[in-house]
C-alpha atoms as a PDB file:
ATOM      1  CA  MET A   1       5.441  18.565 -38.247  1.00  0.00           C
ATOM      2  CA  LYS A   2       2.216  19.446 -36.562  1.00  0.00           C
ATOM      3  CA  LYS A   3       2.568  16.592 -34.068  1.00  0.00           C
ATOM      4  CA  VAL A   4       6.016  17.737 -33.141  1.00  0.00           C
ATOM      5  CA  LEU A   5       4.717  21.270 -32.413  1.00  0.00           C
ATOM      6  CA  TRP A   6       1.912  19.925 -30.332  1.00  0.00           C
ATOM      7  CA  ALA A   7       4.305  17.706 -28.412  1.00  0.00           C
ATOM      8  CA  MET A   8       6.666  20.547 -27.692  1.00  0.00           C
ATOM      9  CA  ALA A   9       3.728  22.782 -26.566  1.00  0.00           C
ATOM     10  CA  GLY A  10       2.576  20.035 -24.230  1.00  0.00           C
ATOM     11  CA  ILE A  11       6.000  19.614 -22.728  1.00  0.00           C
ATOM     12  CA  CYS A  12       6.345  23.362 -22.239  1.00  0.00           C
ATOM     13  CA  ALA A  13       2.897  23.485 -20.612  1.00  0.00           C
ATOM     14  CA  ALA A  14       3.758  20.651 -18.311  1.00  0.00           C
ATOM     15  CA  GLY A  15       7.010  22.332 -17.291  1.00  0.00           C
ATOM     16  CA  ALA A  16       5.241  25.616 -16.587  1.00  0.00           C
ATOM     17  CA  GLY A  17       2.578  23.856 -14.593  1.00  0.00           C
ATOM     18  CA  TRP A  18       5.190  22.011 -12.523  1.00  0.00           C
ATOM     19  CA  ILE A  19       6.988  25.351 -11.785  1.00  0.00           C
ATOM     20  CA  VAL A  20       3.749  27.197 -10.815  1.00  0.00           C
ATOM     21  CA  TRP A  21       2.092  24.397  -8.815  1.00  0.00           C
ATOM     22  CA  GLY A  22       5.252  22.634  -7.591  1.00  0.00           C
ATOM     23  CA  PRO A  23       5.425  21.316  -4.032  1.00  0.00           C
ATOM     24  CA  LYS A  24       7.843  23.970  -2.846  1.00  0.00           C
ATOM     25  CA  ARG A  25       5.312  26.759  -3.491  1.00  0.00           C
ATOM     26  CA  VAL A  26       2.566  25.254  -1.270  1.00  0.00           C
ATOM     27  CA  LYS A  27       2.142  27.054   2.044  1.00  0.00           C
ATOM     28  CA  PRO A  28       0.090  25.706   4.918  1.00  0.00           C
ATOM     29  CA  VAL A  29      -3.295  27.427   5.259  1.00  0.00           C
ATOM     30  CA  GLN A  30      -2.568  28.434   8.875  1.00  0.00           C
ATOM     31  CA  ASP A  31       0.540  30.408   7.822  1.00  0.00           C
ATOM     32  CA  LEU A  32      -1.511  32.219   5.179  1.00  0.00           C
ATOM     33  CA  ALA A  33      -4.224  32.971   7.656  1.00  0.00           C
ATOM     34  CA  ASP A  34      -1.629  34.427  10.135  1.00  0.00           C
ATOM     35  CA  GLN A  35      -0.195  36.611   7.448  1.00  0.00           C
ATOM     36  CA  LEU A  36      -3.627  37.842   6.466  1.00  0.00           C
ATOM     37  CA  GLU A  37      -4.499  38.652  10.103  1.00  0.00           C
ATOM     38  CA  SER A  38      -1.225  40.656  10.638  1.00  0.00           C
ATOM     39  CA  ALA A  39      -1.684  42.558   7.326  1.00  0.00           C
ATOM     40  CA  TRP A  40      -5.296  43.357   8.223  1.00  0.00           C
ATOM     41  CA  SER A  41      -4.310  44.665  11.690  1.00  0.00           C
ATOM     42  CA  ASP A  42      -1.416  46.679  10.216  1.00  0.00           C
ATOM     43  CA  HIS A  43      -3.691  48.231   7.645  1.00  0.00           C
ATOM     44  CA  HIS A  44      -6.313  49.292  10.214  1.00  0.00           C
ATOM     45  CA  THR A  45      -3.905  50.534  12.918  1.00  0.00           C
ATOM     46  CA  ARG A  46      -1.962  53.035  10.728  1.00  0.00           C
ATOM     47  CA  VAL A  47      -2.985  56.705  11.029  1.00  0.00           C
END
């Protein structure tokens, strides 16, 4: 019974890891840098 629970926990952990770190969620670093730059400039130009 204990092995079955460990196996189910492992499968659930693998599924959660695949969802979180899946290939669709990866953004190029340049896009992230552009977003950061625009957010930084918006933050500093508001009065």
